[in-house]
Amino acid sequence: QAQLVESGGGLVQAGGSLRVSCVSSGFTFRPYLGWFRQAPGKEREFVAAINLSSDSAWYGDIAKGRFTLSADNGKNTVYLQMNRLKPKDTGVYYCAANVGSGRVTDIGSYDYWGQGTQVTVSS
């Protein structure tokens, strides 16, 4: 059974940093793993994605210059390091796996989702 489990969310002041993690298990091969976030009352939006086979990464506009993806394939874990956080970064951050095709920036391309982890940035 493929599974994704996020952790590391919490409360941080504006300008601070936070790292969220996603542990994947049960996949027969290394999928693309993406991060999406959903703010209250808003649609889920793309943050970043990584190809676990090549470590190639893609970043959404909301993440460029502030967020960094990394992977520890030995631990089947992907980390999203978030720096210079802003109150508008507040939301639930979801990890998702793309095991087929489709653009890594498209929410519809993802087949498996974690339960999400709450990130709250106070002003």
N, C-alpha and C. Protein backbone atom coordinates (compact mmCIF):
# COMPACT_ATOMS: atom_id res chain seq x y z
N GLN A 1 0.84 -1.19 0.00
CA GLN A 1 0.00 0.00 0.00
C GLN A 1 0.88 1.24 0.00
N ALA A 2 0.78 2.03 -1.09
CA ALA A 2 1.56 3.25 -1.17
C ALA A 2 1.04 4.26 -0.15
N GLN A 3 1.97 4.95 0.48
CA GLN A 3 1.58 5.88 1.54
C GLN A 3 2.55 7.04 1.60
N LEU A 4 2.02 8.19 1.96
CA LEU A 4 2.81 9.40 2.16
C LEU A 4 2.46 9.97 3.52
N VAL A 5 3.47 10.32 4.29
CA VAL A 5 3.23 10.87 5.61
C VAL A 5 4.06 12.14 5.77
N GLU A 6 3.36 13.24 6.00
CA GLU A 6 4.03 14.53 6.19
C GLU A 6 4.24 14.79 7.68
N SER A 7 5.23 15.60 7.96
CA SER A 7 5.48 16.05 9.33
C SER A 7 6.28 17.34 9.28
N GLY A 8 6.37 18.00 10.42
CA GLY A 8 7.23 19.16 10.53
C GLY A 8 6.53 20.50 10.48
N GLY A 9 5.23 20.50 10.30
CA GLY A 9 4.53 21.77 10.30
C GLY A 9 4.52 22.39 11.69
N GLY A 10 4.04 23.61 11.76
CA GLY A 10 3.98 24.27 13.06
C GLY A 10 3.74 25.75 12.91
N LEU A 11 3.99 26.46 13.98
CA LEU A 11 3.79 27.91 14.04
C LEU A 11 5.14 28.59 14.02
N VAL A 12 5.27 29.58 13.16
CA VAL A 12 6.53 30.32 13.05
C VAL A 12 6.20 31.79 12.79
N GLN A 13 7.08 32.65 13.21
CA GLN A 13 6.90 34.07 12.96
C GLN A 13 7.32 34.42 11.54
N ALA A 14 6.74 35.48 11.03
CA ALA A 14 7.11 35.95 9.70
C ALA A 14 8.62 36.21 9.64
N GLY A 15 9.21 35.80 8.53
CA GLY A 15 10.65 35.92 8.38
C GLY A 15 11.42 34.69 8.83
N GLY A 16 10.75 33.81 9.53
CA GLY A 16 11.39 32.61 10.04
C GLY A 16 11.44 31.49 9.02
N SER A 17 11.91 30.35 9.50
CA SER A 17 12.08 29.18 8.64
C SER A 17 11.41 27.96 9.24
N LEU A 18 11.08 27.02 8.37
CA LEU A 18 10.46 25.77 8.79
C LEU A 18 10.80 24.71 7.75
N ARG A 19 10.97 23.50 8.20
CA ARG A 19 11.19 22.41 7.26
C ARG A 19 10.12 21.35 7.46
N VAL A 20 9.44 21.01 6.38
CA VAL A 20 8.46 19.94 6.42
C VAL A 20 9.02 18.74 5.66
N SER A 21 8.60 17.57 6.09
CA SER A 21 9.13 16.33 5.54
C SER A 21 8.00 15.45 5.01
N CYS A 22 8.34 14.62 4.07
CA CYS A 22 7.39 13.66 3.52
C CYS A 22 8.10 12.32 3.38
N VAL A 23 7.58 11.34 4.08
CA VAL A 23 8.13 9.98 3.98
C VAL A 23 7.22 9.16 3.09
N SER A 24 7.79 8.55 2.07
CA SER A 24 7.02 7.72 1.16
C SER A 24 7.31 6.25 1.42
N SER A 25 6.31 5.42 1.25
CA SER A 25 6.49 3.99 1.43
C SER A 25 5.52 3.23 0.53
N GLY A 26 5.89 2.01 0.21
CA GLY A 26 4.99 1.16 -0.56
C GLY A 26 5.02 1.35 -2.05
N PHE A 27 5.88 2.22 -2.56
CA PHE A 27 5.97 2.43 -4.01
C PHE A 27 6.98 1.43 -4.59
N THR A 28 6.65 0.90 -5.76
CA THR A 28 7.54 -0.07 -6.38
C THR A 28 8.67 0.60 -7.14
N PHE A 29 8.54 1.87 -7.40
CA PHE A 29 9.62 2.64 -8.01
C PHE A 29 9.55 4.06 -7.47
N ARG A 30 10.57 4.85 -7.76
CA ARG A 30 10.63 6.20 -7.21
C ARG A 30 9.73 7.13 -8.02
N PRO A 31 8.68 7.64 -7.39
CA PRO A 31 7.78 8.54 -8.12
C PRO A 31 8.30 9.97 -8.09
N TYR A 32 7.61 10.83 -8.80
CA TYR A 32 7.79 12.27 -8.60
C TYR A 32 7.03 12.60 -7.31
N LEU A 33 7.63 13.38 -6.44
CA LEU A 33 6.93 13.83 -5.24
C LEU A 33 6.75 15.35 -5.31
N GLY A 34 5.56 15.77 -5.06
CA GLY A 34 5.27 17.18 -5.11
C GLY A 34 4.72 17.69 -3.80
N TRP A 35 4.84 18.98 -3.59
CA TRP A 35 4.23 19.66 -2.45
C TRP A 35 3.20 20.65 -2.97
N PHE A 36 2.05 20.61 -2.35
CA PHE A 36 1.00 21.57 -2.63
C PHE A 36 0.57 22.18 -1.31
N ARG A 37 0.00 23.36 -1.37
CA ARG A 37 -0.53 23.94 -0.14
C ARG A 37 -1.93 24.47 -0.41
N GLN A 38 -2.70 24.49 0.68
CA GLN A 38 -4.06 24.99 0.58
C GLN A 38 -4.32 25.95 1.75
N ALA A 39 -4.54 27.19 1.39
CA ALA A 39 -4.87 28.20 2.39
C ALA A 39 -6.37 28.16 2.65
N PRO A 40 -6.80 28.63 3.81
CA PRO A 40 -8.23 28.62 4.12
C PRO A 40 -9.05 29.33 3.04
N GLY A 41 -10.05 28.67 2.53
CA GLY A 41 -10.93 29.26 1.55
C GLY A 41 -10.37 29.35 0.15
N LYS A 42 -9.19 28.76 -0.06
CA LYS A 42 -8.56 28.85 -1.38
C LYS A 42 -8.31 27.46 -1.95
N GLU A 43 -8.05 27.42 -3.23
CA GLU A 43 -7.76 26.15 -3.88
C GLU A 43 -6.33 25.71 -3.56
N ARG A 44 -6.13 24.42 -3.68
CA ARG A 44 -4.81 23.86 -3.47
C ARG A 44 -3.89 24.32 -4.61
N GLU A 45 -2.67 24.74 -4.28
CA GLU A 45 -1.77 25.26 -5.30
C GLU A 45 -0.40 24.59 -5.23
N PHE A 46 0.24 24.54 -6.37
CA PHE A 46 1.53 23.89 -6.50
C PHE A 46 2.62 24.70 -5.80
N VAL A 47 3.47 23.98 -5.06
CA VAL A 47 4.61 24.61 -4.40
C VAL A 47 5.91 24.19 -5.07
N ALA A 48 6.16 22.89 -5.11
CA ALA A 48 7.40 22.38 -5.68
C ALA A 48 7.27 20.88 -5.91
N ALA A 49 8.18 20.34 -6.74
CA ALA A 49 8.18 18.91 -7.01
C ALA A 49 9.60 18.45 -7.31
N ILE A 50 9.83 17.17 -7.09
CA ILE A 50 11.15 16.62 -7.33
C ILE A 50 11.04 15.24 -7.94
N ASN A 51 11.95 14.97 -8.87
CA ASN A 51 12.06 13.64 -9.46
C ASN A 51 13.04 12.86 -8.60
N LEU A 52 12.58 11.85 -7.92
CA LEU A 52 13.42 11.13 -6.98
C LEU A 52 14.51 10.31 -7.65
N SER A 53 14.37 10.07 -8.95
CA SER A 53 15.39 9.32 -9.67
C SER A 53 16.55 10.19 -10.10
N SER A 54 16.26 11.47 -10.41
CA SER A 54 17.30 12.35 -10.92
C SER A 54 17.60 13.53 -10.01
N ASP A 55 16.74 13.75 -9.00
CA ASP A 55 16.82 14.91 -8.12
C ASP A 55 16.53 16.23 -8.84
N SER A 56 16.00 16.17 -10.06
CA SER A 56 15.57 17.39 -10.73
C SER A 56 14.38 17.96 -9.96
N ALA A 57 14.34 19.27 -9.84
CA ALA A 57 13.29 19.91 -9.04
C ALA A 57 12.62 21.03 -9.83
N TRP A 58 11.35 21.27 -9.51
CA TRP A 58 10.57 22.34 -10.10
C TRP A 58 9.98 23.16 -8.95
N TYR A 59 9.89 24.45 -9.14
CA TYR A 59 9.35 25.31 -8.10
C TYR A 59 8.25 26.20 -8.67
N GLY A 60 7.19 26.34 -7.92
CA GLY A 60 6.16 27.29 -8.28
C GLY A 60 6.61 28.70 -7.93
N ASP A 61 5.92 29.67 -8.47
CA ASP A 61 6.29 31.06 -8.23
C ASP A 61 6.29 31.39 -6.74
N ILE A 62 5.41 30.74 -5.99
CA ILE A 62 5.33 31.04 -4.55
C ILE A 62 6.54 30.53 -3.80
N ALA A 63 7.32 29.66 -4.43
CA ALA A 63 8.45 29.04 -3.73
C ALA A 63 9.80 29.53 -4.21
N LYS A 64 9.86 30.06 -5.40
CA LYS A 64 11.15 30.42 -5.98
C LYS A 64 11.91 31.43 -5.13
N GLY A 65 13.16 31.08 -4.86
CA GLY A 65 14.02 31.97 -4.10
C GLY A 65 13.89 31.84 -2.60
N ARG A 66 12.87 31.13 -2.12
CA ARG A 66 12.67 31.01 -0.67
C ARG A 66 12.63 29.56 -0.20
N PHE A 67 12.11 28.68 -1.02
CA PHE A 67 11.95 27.28 -0.63
C PHE A 67 12.93 26.41 -1.40
N THR A 68 13.38 25.34 -0.75
CA THR A 68 14.30 24.41 -1.39
C THR A 68 13.88 22.97 -1.10
N LEU A 69 13.85 22.17 -2.15
CA LEU A 69 13.53 20.75 -2.02
C LEU A 69 14.81 19.95 -1.96
N SER A 70 14.78 18.90 -1.16
CA SER A 70 15.89 17.95 -1.17
C SER A 70 15.33 16.58 -0.85
N ALA A 71 16.12 15.56 -1.20
CA ALA A 71 15.64 14.19 -0.99
C ALA A 71 16.72 13.34 -0.37
N ASP A 72 16.30 12.47 0.50
CA ASP A 72 17.18 11.45 1.06
C ASP A 72 16.58 10.11 0.64
N ASN A 73 17.08 9.59 -0.47
CA ASN A 73 16.47 8.38 -1.02
C ASN A 73 16.67 7.17 -0.11
N GLY A 74 17.73 7.20 0.67
CA GLY A 74 17.93 6.10 1.61
C GLY A 74 16.83 6.02 2.65
N LYS A 75 16.24 7.17 2.96
CA LYS A 75 15.17 7.25 3.94
C LYS A 75 13.80 7.43 3.29
N ASN A 76 13.78 7.42 1.95
CA ASN A 76 12.52 7.66 1.23
C ASN A 76 11.84 8.93 1.72
N THR A 77 12.64 9.95 1.95
CA THR A 77 12.12 11.19 2.53
C THR A 77 12.47 12.38 1.66
N VAL A 78 11.50 13.26 1.51
CA VAL A 78 11.70 14.51 0.80
C VAL A 78 11.49 15.64 1.80
N TYR A 79 12.37 16.61 1.75
CA TYR A 79 12.30 17.76 2.66
C TYR A 79 11.99 19.03 1.87
N LEU A 80 11.13 19.84 2.42
CA LEU A 80 10.86 21.16 1.86
C LEU A 80 11.30 22.19 2.90
N GLN A 81 12.44 22.82 2.61
CA GLN A 81 12.96 23.85 3.49
C GLN A 81 12.36 25.18 3.09
N MET A 82 11.67 25.83 4.01
CA MET A 82 10.98 27.08 3.71
C MET A 82 11.61 28.20 4.53
N ASN A 83 12.14 29.19 3.83
CA ASN A 83 12.80 30.33 4.48
C ASN A 83 12.04 31.61 4.19
N ARG A 84 12.31 32.61 4.99
CA ARG A 84 11.69 33.94 4.83
C ARG A 84 10.18 33.79 4.67
N LEU A 85 9.59 33.07 5.59
CA LEU A 85 8.17 32.79 5.52
C LEU A 85 7.34 34.05 5.73
N LYS A 86 6.18 34.07 5.07
CA LYS A 86 5.26 35.20 5.13
C LYS A 86 3.92 34.69 5.65
N PRO A 87 3.12 35.57 6.21
CA PRO A 87 1.79 35.14 6.66
C PRO A 87 0.96 34.48 5.56
N LYS A 88 1.13 34.91 4.32
CA LYS A 88 0.36 34.30 3.23
C LYS A 88 0.84 32.90 2.89
N ASP A 89 1.93 32.45 3.50
CA ASP A 89 2.37 31.06 3.32
C ASP A 89 1.58 30.11 4.22
N THR A 90 0.74 30.66 5.07
CA THR A 90 -0.07 29.84 5.97
C THR A 90 -1.00 28.93 5.19
N GLY A 91 -1.08 27.69 5.63
CA GLY A 91 -1.98 26.74 5.00
C GLY A 91 -1.60 25.31 5.36
N VAL A 92 -2.34 24.38 4.81
CA VAL A 92 -2.00 22.97 4.97
C VAL A 92 -1.13 22.56 3.80
N TYR A 93 0.00 21.99 4.12
CA TYR A 93 0.94 21.55 3.09
C TYR A 93 0.80 20.05 2.89
N TYR A 94 0.55 19.69 1.65
CA TYR A 94 0.33 18.29 1.28
C TYR A 94 1.46 17.77 0.42
N CYS A 95 1.85 16.56 0.69
CA CYS A 95 2.79 15.84 -0.15
C CYS A 95 1.99 14.92 -1.07
N ALA A 96 2.42 14.81 -2.32
CA ALA A 96 1.70 13.99 -3.28
C ALA A 96 2.68 13.26 -4.18
N ALA A 97 2.25 12.12 -4.69
CA ALA A 97 3.10 11.31 -5.56
C ALA A 97 2.48 11.16 -6.94
N ASN A 98 3.30 11.36 -7.94
CA ASN A 98 2.92 11.18 -9.34
C ASN A 98 3.61 9.91 -9.83
N VAL A 99 2.85 8.87 -10.08
CA VAL A 99 3.45 7.61 -10.51
C VAL A 99 3.26 7.36 -11.99
N GLY A 100 2.61 8.28 -12.67
CA GLY A 100 2.36 8.08 -14.10
C GLY A 100 2.91 9.23 -14.91
N SER A 101 2.07 9.85 -15.67
CA SER A 101 2.48 10.93 -16.54
C SER A 101 1.76 12.20 -16.12
N GLY A 102 1.97 13.23 -16.90
CA GLY A 102 1.34 14.50 -16.60
C GLY A 102 2.35 15.50 -16.06
N ARG A 103 1.98 16.74 -16.17
CA ARG A 103 2.88 17.79 -15.71
C ARG A 103 2.99 17.77 -14.18
N VAL A 104 4.19 17.90 -13.69
CA VAL A 104 4.40 17.82 -12.25
C VAL A 104 3.81 19.02 -11.53
N THR A 105 3.50 20.08 -12.27
CA THR A 105 2.90 21.26 -11.65
C THR A 105 1.38 21.17 -11.55
N ASP A 106 0.81 20.16 -12.20
CA ASP A 106 -0.65 20.03 -12.25
C ASP A 106 -1.16 19.12 -11.14
N ILE A 107 -2.09 19.60 -10.36
CA ILE A 107 -2.62 18.82 -9.25
C ILE A 107 -3.25 17.52 -9.72
N GLY A 108 -3.80 17.53 -10.91
CA GLY A 108 -4.46 16.34 -11.45
C GLY A 108 -3.50 15.23 -11.85
N SER A 109 -2.23 15.52 -11.87
CA SER A 109 -1.22 14.52 -12.25
C SER A 109 -0.83 13.61 -11.10
N TYR A 110 -1.31 13.92 -9.90
CA TYR A 110 -0.87 13.19 -8.71
C TYR A 110 -1.89 12.15 -8.29
N ASP A 111 -1.36 10.99 -7.93
CA ASP A 111 -2.19 9.81 -7.68
C ASP A 111 -2.36 9.50 -6.20
N TYR A 112 -1.40 9.91 -5.39
CA TYR A 112 -1.44 9.62 -3.96
C TYR A 112 -1.19 10.91 -3.19
N TRP A 113 -1.88 11.03 -2.06
CA TRP A 113 -1.77 12.23 -1.24
C TRP A 113 -1.58 11.87 0.21
N GLY A 114 -0.79 12.69 0.89
CA GLY A 114 -0.68 12.55 2.34
C GLY A 114 -1.82 13.28 3.03
N GLN A 115 -1.80 13.24 4.35
CA GLN A 115 -2.89 13.84 5.12
C GLN A 115 -2.69 15.33 5.33
N GLY A 116 -1.49 15.82 5.04
CA GLY A 116 -1.21 17.24 5.17
C GLY A 116 -0.64 17.61 6.52
N THR A 117 0.10 18.71 6.54
CA THR A 117 0.64 19.24 7.78
C THR A 117 0.43 20.74 7.80
N GLN A 118 -0.04 21.25 8.93
CA GLN A 118 -0.40 22.66 9.04
C GLN A 118 0.83 23.53 9.26
N VAL A 119 0.92 24.57 8.46
CA VAL A 119 1.96 25.58 8.64
C VAL A 119 1.25 26.91 8.89
N THR A 120 1.60 27.55 9.98
CA THR A 120 1.00 28.84 10.31
C THR A 120 2.12 29.86 10.52
N VAL A 121 2.03 30.94 9.78
CA VAL A 121 3.02 32.00 9.88
C VAL A 121 2.34 33.23 10.47
N SER A 122 2.81 33.64 11.62
CA SER A 122 2.21 34.80 12.29
C SER A 122 2.94 36.07 11.90
N SER A 123 2.19 37.16 11.90
CA SER A 123 2.77 38.45 11.51
C SER A 123 3.37 39.18 12.70
